[in-house]
Protein backbone atom coordinates (compact mmCIF):
# COMPACT_ATOMS: atom_id res chain seq x y z
CA MET A 1 -11.85 21.08 -5.41
CA ILE A 2 -13.38 18.66 -7.28
CA GLU A 3 -16.38 17.35 -6.41
CA ASP A 4 -17.63 13.86 -5.22
CA PHE A 5 -18.70 12.13 -8.32
CA ALA A 6 -18.64 15.00 -10.24
CA TYR A 7 -17.77 13.35 -13.53
CA SER A 8 -18.55 9.71 -12.35
CA PHE A 9 -19.60 7.68 -15.62
CA GLN A 10 -18.66 10.33 -18.51
CA ASN A 11 -17.64 7.60 -20.76
CA ASP A 12 -16.98 10.32 -22.78
CA LEU A 13 -14.39 11.85 -21.30
CA LYS A 14 -10.40 10.41 -22.45
CA THR A 15 -8.17 13.11 -20.91
CA PHE A 16 -8.59 15.35 -17.91
CA LYS A 17 -6.10 17.74 -16.59
CA ILE A 18 -6.77 18.98 -12.98
CA PRO A 19 -6.46 22.93 -12.46
CA ASP A 20 -3.18 24.30 -10.39
CA GLY A 21 -4.81 24.87 -6.86
CA VAL A 22 -7.28 22.72 -6.79
CA THR A 23 -6.23 20.72 -3.19
CA LYS A 24 -8.61 17.87 -3.04
CA ILE A 25 -10.03 15.43 -5.39
CA GLY A 26 -13.46 14.12 -4.33
CA VAL A 27 -15.11 10.76 -3.31
CA SER A 28 -15.91 8.85 -6.72
CA ALA A 29 -15.38 11.89 -8.53
CA PHE A 30 -13.85 9.90 -12.18
CA ILE A 31 -15.42 6.56 -10.90
CA PHE A 32 -16.53 4.38 -14.01
CA CYS A 33 -14.79 6.74 -16.60
CA GLU A 34 -14.60 3.65 -18.63
CA ASN A 35 -12.54 5.51 -21.36
CA LEU A 36 -10.41 8.12 -19.36
CA GLN A 37 -7.14 7.73 -20.74
CA GLU A 38 -5.37 9.81 -18.79
CA ILE A 39 -5.24 12.42 -16.31
CA GLU A 40 -2.62 14.77 -14.92
CA ILE A 41 -2.88 15.58 -10.72
CA PRO A 42 -1.21 19.47 -10.00
CA ASP A 43 1.26 19.44 -6.98
CA SER A 44 -1.38 21.43 -5.20
CA VAL A 45 -3.66 18.89 -4.81
CA VAL A 46 -3.19 16.66 -1.42
CA GLU A 47 -6.37 15.09 -0.78
CA ILE A 48 -7.76 11.92 -3.28
CA GLY A 49 -11.14 10.84 -2.16
CA ASN A 50 -11.91 7.22 -1.69
CA SER A 51 -13.04 4.83 -5.29
CA ALA A 52 -11.40 8.64 -7.02
CA PHE A 53 -11.17 6.45 -10.61
CA CYS A 54 -12.63 3.14 -9.92
CA GLY A 55 -13.43 1.25 -12.80
CA CYS A 56 -11.52 3.46 -15.02
CA TRP A 57 -10.34 0.64 -16.97
CA SER A 58 -9.13 2.54 -20.00
CA LEU A 59 -6.48 4.23 -17.42
CA THR A 60 -2.94 2.85 -18.24
CA LYS A 61 -0.03 4.85 -16.04
CA ILE A 62 -0.35 7.91 -13.40
CA LYS A 63 1.45 9.84 -11.52
CA ILE A 64 0.45 11.03 -8.10
CA PRO A 65 2.24 14.27 -6.49
CA ASP A 66 4.19 14.25 -3.76
CA SER A 67 2.00 16.28 -2.24
CA VAL A 68 -0.31 13.50 -1.45
CA THR A 69 0.23 11.67 1.63
CA GLU A 70 -2.40 8.68 1.35
CA ILE A 71 -3.71 6.42 -1.08
CA SER A 72 -7.45 5.98 -0.41
CA GLU A 73 -9.44 3.02 -0.35
CA ASN A 74 -10.23 1.23 -3.57
CA ILE A 75 -9.27 4.39 -5.25
CA PHE A 76 -7.92 2.35 -8.33
CA ARG A 77 -9.66 -0.92 -8.00
CA ASN A 78 -10.49 -2.46 -10.95
CA CYS A 79 -8.48 -0.24 -12.84
CA SER A 80 -7.46 -3.29 -15.12
CA GLY A 81 -5.17 -0.91 -18.12
CA LEU A 82 -3.25 0.25 -15.33
CA TYR A 83 0.10 -1.09 -15.70
CA GLU A 84 2.25 2.21 -14.35
CA VAL A 85 1.85 3.69 -11.06
CA ILE A 86 4.30 6.78 -9.96
CA LEU A 87 3.48 6.95 -5.67
CA PRO A 88 4.61 9.88 -3.81
CA ASN A 89 7.44 10.20 -1.84
CA ASN A 90 5.96 11.54 1.04
CA LEU A 91 3.43 8.48 1.28
CA LYS A 92 2.14 7.08 5.03
CA ILE A 93 -0.84 4.93 3.53
CA ILE A 94 -1.95 2.76 1.16
CA ASP A 95 -5.56 2.05 1.97
CA LYS A 96 -7.71 -1.35 1.15
CA CYS A 97 -8.22 -2.59 -1.69
CA ALA A 98 -6.40 -0.19 -3.45
CA PHE A 99 -5.02 -1.67 -6.48
CA ARG A 100 -7.79 -4.73 -6.46
CA GLY A 101 -7.84 -6.21 -9.74
CA CYS A 102 -5.04 -4.18 -11.28
CA GLU A 103 -4.68 -6.47 -13.56
CA SER A 104 -1.96 -4.96 -15.97
CA LEU A 105 0.15 -3.68 -12.96
CA GLU A 106 3.52 -4.33 -13.66
CA ASN A 107 5.86 -1.10 -12.60
CA ILE A 108 5.02 0.29 -9.29
CA LYS A 109 7.61 1.15 -5.85
CA ILE A 110 6.26 1.49 -3.08
CA PRO A 111 7.88 4.60 -1.33
CA ASP A 112 10.04 4.16 1.90
CA SER A 113 7.81 6.34 3.99
CA VAL A 114 5.05 3.64 3.95
CA ILE A 115 4.28 2.83 6.85
CA LYS A 116 0.60 0.72 6.92
CA ILE A 117 -0.96 -1.09 3.80
CA GLY A 118 -4.40 -2.02 3.87
CA ASP A 119 -6.41 -5.00 3.27
CA ASN A 120 -6.75 -6.58 -0.27
CA ALA A 121 -4.52 -3.69 -1.57
CA PHE A 122 -2.93 -5.36 -4.21
CA GLN A 123 -5.08 -8.31 -4.88
CA ASN A 124 -5.78 -9.36 -8.20
CA CYS A 125 -2.49 -7.34 -9.46
CA GLU A 126 -2.37 -10.41 -12.08
CA SER A 127 0.81 -8.97 -13.25
CA LEU A 128 2.97 -7.90 -10.41
CA THR A 129 5.83 -10.18 -10.70
CA GLU A 130 7.78 -8.49 -7.30
CA ILE A 131 7.55 -5.85 -4.93
CA LYS A 132 9.51 -4.51 -1.78
CA ILE A 133 8.25 -3.70 1.64
CA PRO A 134 9.75 -0.96 3.08
CA SER A 135 11.56 -0.54 6.16
CA LEU A 136 9.44 1.93 7.93
CA ILE A 137 6.54 -0.62 7.86
CA THR A 138 4.22 -1.03 11.28
CA GLU A 139 0.73 -2.34 9.53
CA ILE A 140 -0.26 -5.03 7.15
CA GLY A 141 -3.74 -6.36 6.42
CA VAL A 142 -5.07 -9.10 5.16
CA GLU A 143 -4.57 -10.88 1.63
CA ILE A 144 -2.71 -7.79 0.53
CA PHE A 145 -0.89 -9.77 -2.76
CA ALA A 146 -3.46 -12.46 -3.00
CA ASP A 147 -4.26 -13.80 -6.39
CA CYS A 148 -1.23 -12.32 -7.39
CA ALA A 149 -0.56 -15.30 -9.62
CA ASN A 150 2.93 -14.07 -10.98
CA LEU A 151 4.46 -13.04 -8.08
CA LYS A 152 7.84 -14.30 -7.74
CA LYS A 153 9.33 -12.04 -5.13
CA ILE A 154 8.40 -10.29 -1.61
CA TYR A 155 11.18 -8.03 -0.44
CA TYR A 156 10.35 -7.63 3.31
CA PRO A 157 12.48 -6.15 6.69
CA ALA A 158 13.78 -9.20 8.31
CA GLU A 159 12.12 -10.14 11.38
CA SER A 160 9.12 -8.22 10.63
CA GLY A 161 7.05 -10.29 11.65
CA PHE A 162 4.63 -9.74 8.71
CA GLU A 163 5.56 -13.27 6.92
CA ASN A 164 2.43 -15.01 7.12
CA LEU A 165 0.50 -11.96 6.24
CA LEU A 166 2.10 -11.27 2.70
CA LEU A 167 2.41 -14.43 1.42
CA ALA A 168 -1.45 -15.22 1.95
CA GLY A 169 -2.91 -16.04 -1.27
CA ASN A 170 -0.18 -16.20 -3.19
CA ASN A 171 3.18 -18.60 -3.90
CA ALA A 172 5.81 -15.79 -3.87
CA GLU A 173 9.56 -16.10 -2.37
CA LEU A 174 10.18 -14.14 0.75
CA VAL A 175 13.57 -12.62 0.51
CA PRO A 176 14.70 -10.44 3.88
CA ILE A 177 16.49 -7.11 3.26
CA THR A 178 18.83 -7.64 6.49
CA ASP A 179 20.63 -4.03 5.05
CA SER A 180 21.92 -1.42 7.46
CA THR A 181 18.91 0.54 6.53
CA SER A 182 16.40 -2.27 7.38
CA LYS A 183 18.14 -3.16 10.49
CA LYS A 184 17.71 0.43 12.19
CA ASN A 185 14.33 0.93 11.42
CA LEU A 186 13.12 -2.19 12.77
CA PHE A 187 10.20 -1.67 15.11
CA TRP A 188 11.06 -4.94 17.58
CA HIS A 189 13.30 -7.51 18.28
CA VAL A 190 13.85 -9.69 20.71
CA ASP A 191 17.75 -10.46 23.00
CA GLY A 192 17.55 -13.09 25.15
CA ASP A 193 14.24 -13.04 27.18
CA ILE A 194 14.39 -9.47 26.54
CA LEU A 195 11.67 -7.49 23.85
CA THR A 196 12.80 -3.78 22.76
CA ILE A 197 9.59 -2.45 21.05
CA LYS A 198 9.35 1.13 19.54
CA SER A 199 5.86 1.88 21.10
CA ALA A 200 3.20 0.68 24.17
CA ASP A 201 -0.15 0.82 21.01
CA LEU A 202 2.07 -1.32 18.56
CA LEU A 203 2.88 -3.95 21.72
CA LYS A 204 -1.02 -4.71 22.57
CA LYS A 205 -1.65 -4.29 18.93
CA ILE A 206 0.31 -8.04 18.26
CA SER A 207 0.96 -9.59 21.31
CA TYR A 208 -1.69 -11.92 20.53
CA ASP A 209 -1.26 -11.97 16.70
CA GLU A 210 0.18 -15.61 15.52
CA ASN A 211 1.29 -14.10 12.77
CA PHE A 212 3.69 -12.35 14.23
CA SER A 213 6.89 -14.14 14.54
CA TRP A 214 8.12 -13.59 18.34
CA TYR A 215 4.71 -15.31 18.55
CA ASP A 216 6.33 -18.18 19.75
CA MET A 217 9.13 -16.68 22.64
CA ARG A 218 6.44 -15.19 24.68
CA ASP A 219 6.54 -17.48 27.20
CA ILE A 220 10.23 -16.82 27.60
CA ILE A 221 10.21 -13.11 27.41
CA LYS A 222 11.07 -11.44 30.99
CA LYS A 223 11.47 -7.72 30.34
CA ILE A 224 10.02 -5.56 27.85
CA ILE A 225 11.48 -2.33 26.90
CA ILE A 226 9.14 0.54 25.26
CA GLU A 227 10.73 3.08 23.35
CA SER A 228 8.80 5.72 22.88
């Protein structure tokens, strides 16, 4: 394990290779290593702590191994030189403010496995021009693309109900994805007066949320089918 704050504020650090066998990078392990340009993370790493690389302004690109399933909060916050990120194929969560302030970020693909994107996750990513939201998504936080001045298009699963959240704080165009994959994975749909939804927990979360597009239909719904 690389301990919490292990290499924090070490401005003489320019490159770093994490040894094979390390399973965890601690909280703020490399925070404000302002001259860190390159870091290599082995497949043995399964967890990266909050703010691990926050403020590493000179870091330009990074690959996160497939063994990691969560991008922790503030992990790359204010990495203003970061322009390319390769995310894990098995990723489930991008937590709040994960890439906030990554002004140079141009190349990033959100894996299809992601189900949650936290508050302000991509805020102030001024170089981001388009992004695709995966069809399995079940939770999106507030202002995830706020102040993304050059964001032109957001591709998202049709009828997902996240339209207002996706457009908060930006002027992008929403482009619905209506292919067979996205249709198969929709987590709710309304057919006449029948609402079909994937879980009772999800129903509780969104029943009174005006951001969801079936909110205005709630008075006509007479039957609810919960799939699991």
